[in-house]
Amino acid sequence: MKQVEWIELVRALVRPVVTVVFTILVVLLFWYGREIPELLKWTWLAILGEWFGERLLFKLLGLNGKK
C-alpha cells in the first residue's frame, strides 16, 4: 500500500470514533446539566462541519457565512 492509502485508511477509521466520542461527551454534559466548555463547543462544531458541510452549519446557526 502507498503512504496516501494508509493515511486515508487511518482517517476513515479515526474520524467516526472521534465524532462519536465528542458527541457522547456533549450529550452527557447537556443531560447532566453541566456547562459545556467553549472550546468543546467549537471543536464539536468543527467536527460536525467536516461531516455535514459548512453551509449546513451556517444555516442551522442562522449565520450568513459571507464576508
N, C-alpha and C. Protein backbone atom coordinates (compact mmCIF):
# COMPACT_ATOMS: atom_id res chain seq x y z
N MET A 1 0.84 -1.20 0.00
CA MET A 1 0.00 0.00 0.00
C MET A 1 0.87 1.24 0.00
N LYS A 2 0.38 2.24 -0.68
CA LYS A 2 1.09 3.51 -0.69
C LYS A 2 0.81 4.26 0.60
N GLN A 3 1.66 5.25 0.86
CA GLN A 3 1.51 6.03 2.08
C GLN A 3 0.17 6.78 2.10
N VAL A 4 -0.25 7.28 0.96
CA VAL A 4 -1.51 8.01 0.89
C VAL A 4 -2.67 7.10 1.23
N GLU A 5 -2.64 5.86 0.79
CA GLU A 5 -3.71 4.92 1.10
C GLU A 5 -3.77 4.64 2.60
N TRP A 6 -2.63 4.54 3.24
CA TRP A 6 -2.59 4.32 4.69
C TRP A 6 -3.19 5.51 5.43
N ILE A 7 -2.86 6.70 4.98
CA ILE A 7 -3.40 7.91 5.62
C ILE A 7 -4.91 7.95 5.47
N GLU A 8 -5.40 7.64 4.30
CA GLU A 8 -6.84 7.63 4.07
C GLU A 8 -7.53 6.56 4.92
N LEU A 9 -6.89 5.42 5.07
CA LEU A 9 -7.44 4.34 5.89
C LEU A 9 -7.52 4.75 7.36
N VAL A 10 -6.45 5.32 7.86
CA VAL A 10 -6.43 5.77 9.26
C VAL A 10 -7.47 6.86 9.46
N ARG A 11 -7.55 7.78 8.52
CA ARG A 11 -8.53 8.86 8.62
C ARG A 11 -9.95 8.31 8.62
N ALA A 12 -10.21 7.34 7.77
CA ALA A 12 -11.54 6.74 7.68
C ALA A 12 -11.91 5.99 8.97
N LEU A 13 -10.93 5.48 9.67
CA LEU A 13 -11.20 4.75 10.91
C LEU A 13 -11.28 5.67 12.12
N VAL A 14 -10.48 6.70 12.15
CA VAL A 14 -10.39 7.56 13.32
C VAL A 14 -11.52 8.60 13.36
N ARG A 15 -11.86 9.16 12.24
CA ARG A 15 -12.85 10.24 12.22
C ARG A 15 -14.20 9.84 12.82
N PRO A 16 -14.76 8.68 12.49
CA PRO A 16 -16.03 8.31 13.12
C PRO A 16 -15.91 8.10 14.64
N VAL A 17 -14.80 7.56 15.07
CA VAL A 17 -14.60 7.33 16.51
C VAL A 17 -14.52 8.66 17.25
N VAL A 18 -13.76 9.59 16.72
CA VAL A 18 -13.64 10.91 17.35
C VAL A 18 -14.99 11.61 17.38
N THR A 19 -15.74 11.51 16.30
CA THR A 19 -17.06 12.12 16.24
C THR A 19 -17.99 11.55 17.31
N VAL A 20 -18.01 10.24 17.44
CA VAL A 20 -18.88 9.60 18.43
C VAL A 20 -18.46 9.98 19.84
N VAL A 21 -17.18 9.99 20.13
CA VAL A 21 -16.70 10.35 21.47
C VAL A 21 -17.10 11.77 21.83
N PHE A 22 -16.87 12.72 20.93
CA PHE A 22 -17.22 14.11 21.21
C PHE A 22 -18.73 14.29 21.33
N THR A 23 -19.50 13.60 20.51
CA THR A 23 -20.95 13.71 20.57
C THR A 23 -21.48 13.16 21.89
N ILE A 24 -20.98 12.02 22.30
CA ILE A 24 -21.40 11.44 23.59
C ILE A 24 -21.02 12.37 24.74
N LEU A 25 -19.84 12.95 24.69
CA LEU A 25 -19.41 13.86 25.73
C LEU A 25 -20.32 15.09 25.83
N VAL A 26 -20.64 15.67 24.69
CA VAL A 26 -21.52 16.85 24.69
C VAL A 26 -22.91 16.48 25.19
N VAL A 27 -23.44 15.36 24.74
CA VAL A 27 -24.78 14.93 25.17
C VAL A 27 -24.81 14.66 26.67
N LEU A 28 -23.79 13.99 27.18
CA LEU A 28 -23.75 13.71 28.62
C LEU A 28 -23.63 14.98 29.45
N LEU A 29 -22.81 15.90 29.02
CA LEU A 29 -22.71 17.18 29.74
C LEU A 29 -24.05 17.90 29.74
N PHE A 30 -24.72 17.91 28.58
CA PHE A 30 -26.03 18.54 28.50
C PHE A 30 -27.06 17.81 29.36
N TRP A 31 -27.04 16.49 29.32
CA TRP A 31 -28.01 15.66 30.05
C TRP A 31 -27.92 15.90 31.56
N TYR A 32 -26.67 16.01 32.06
CA TYR A 32 -26.47 16.20 33.50
C TYR A 32 -26.48 17.67 33.92
N GLY A 33 -26.80 18.55 33.00
CA GLY A 33 -26.94 19.96 33.34
C GLY A 33 -25.63 20.69 33.57
N ARG A 34 -24.56 20.12 33.11
CA ARG A 34 -23.26 20.79 33.26
C ARG A 34 -23.04 21.76 32.10
N GLU A 35 -22.25 22.77 32.36
CA GLU A 35 -21.94 23.73 31.30
C GLU A 35 -20.93 23.10 30.34
N ILE A 36 -21.19 23.25 29.06
CA ILE A 36 -20.28 22.73 28.04
C ILE A 36 -19.19 23.77 27.82
N PRO A 37 -17.92 23.41 28.02
CA PRO A 37 -16.83 24.38 27.82
C PRO A 37 -16.84 24.93 26.40
N GLU A 38 -16.46 26.18 26.28
CA GLU A 38 -16.49 26.87 24.98
C GLU A 38 -15.62 26.16 23.95
N LEU A 39 -14.44 25.72 24.34
CA LEU A 39 -13.56 25.03 23.41
C LEU A 39 -14.19 23.74 22.89
N LEU A 40 -14.89 23.03 23.77
CA LEU A 40 -15.57 21.80 23.37
C LEU A 40 -16.70 22.09 22.38
N LYS A 41 -17.42 23.18 22.60
CA LYS A 41 -18.49 23.57 21.66
C LYS A 41 -17.93 23.79 20.26
N TRP A 42 -16.86 24.56 20.19
CA TRP A 42 -16.29 24.89 18.88
C TRP A 42 -15.64 23.68 18.23
N THR A 43 -15.04 22.81 19.03
CA THR A 43 -14.45 21.59 18.49
C THR A 43 -15.54 20.69 17.92
N TRP A 44 -16.64 20.56 18.65
CA TRP A 44 -17.75 19.74 18.19
C TRP A 44 -18.36 20.30 16.91
N LEU A 45 -18.49 21.62 16.83
CA LEU A 45 -18.99 22.24 15.61
C LEU A 45 -18.04 22.02 14.43
N ALA A 46 -16.75 22.05 14.69
CA ALA A 46 -15.78 21.78 13.62
C ALA A 46 -15.89 20.34 13.12
N ILE A 47 -16.08 19.42 14.05
CA ILE A 47 -16.24 18.01 13.66
C ILE A 47 -17.52 17.83 12.84
N LEU A 48 -18.62 18.42 13.30
CA LEU A 48 -19.86 18.33 12.55
C LEU A 48 -19.74 19.00 11.19
N GLY A 49 -18.97 20.07 11.14
CA GLY A 49 -18.74 20.75 9.86
C GLY A 49 -18.02 19.87 8.87
N GLU A 50 -17.11 19.06 9.36
CA GLU A 50 -16.41 18.12 8.49
C GLU A 50 -17.36 17.09 7.92
N TRP A 51 -18.33 16.66 8.72
CA TRP A 51 -19.27 15.63 8.27
C TRP A 51 -20.36 16.19 7.38
N PHE A 52 -20.97 17.28 7.81
CA PHE A 52 -22.17 17.76 7.14
C PHE A 52 -21.96 18.96 6.24
N GLY A 53 -20.82 19.56 6.31
CA GLY A 53 -20.53 20.69 5.45
C GLY A 53 -20.77 22.02 6.15
N GLU A 54 -19.98 22.96 5.74
CA GLU A 54 -20.01 24.27 6.35
C GLU A 54 -21.33 25.00 6.08
N ARG A 55 -21.87 24.83 4.88
CA ARG A 55 -23.10 25.53 4.52
C ARG A 55 -24.27 25.16 5.43
N LEU A 56 -24.40 23.87 5.73
CA LEU A 56 -25.49 23.43 6.59
C LEU A 56 -25.33 23.99 8.01
N LEU A 57 -24.11 24.01 8.51
CA LEU A 57 -23.90 24.55 9.86
C LEU A 57 -24.24 26.03 9.92
N PHE A 58 -23.83 26.79 8.89
CA PHE A 58 -24.18 28.21 8.86
C PHE A 58 -25.70 28.38 8.83
N LYS A 59 -26.37 27.52 8.09
CA LYS A 59 -27.84 27.59 8.01
C LYS A 59 -28.47 27.26 9.37
N LEU A 60 -27.98 26.21 10.02
CA LEU A 60 -28.53 25.81 11.32
C LEU A 60 -28.27 26.86 12.40
N LEU A 61 -27.11 27.50 12.33
CA LEU A 61 -26.75 28.50 13.33
C LEU A 61 -27.34 29.87 13.02
N GLY A 62 -27.93 30.01 11.83
CA GLY A 62 -28.52 31.29 11.45
C GLY A 62 -27.50 32.33 11.05
N LEU A 63 -26.34 31.89 10.61
CA LEU A 63 -25.30 32.82 10.19
C LEU A 63 -25.32 32.98 8.69
N ASN A 64 -24.80 34.10 8.22
CA ASN A 64 -24.80 34.36 6.78
C ASN A 64 -23.70 33.59 6.07
N GLY A 65 -22.52 33.57 6.64
CA GLY A 65 -21.41 32.81 6.06
C GLY A 65 -20.68 33.54 4.96
N LYS A 66 -21.09 34.76 4.63
CA LYS A 66 -20.43 35.55 3.59
C LYS A 66 -19.62 36.64 4.24
N LYS A 67 -18.52 36.97 3.58
CA LYS A 67 -17.67 38.04 4.15
C LYS A 67 -17.97 39.36 3.48
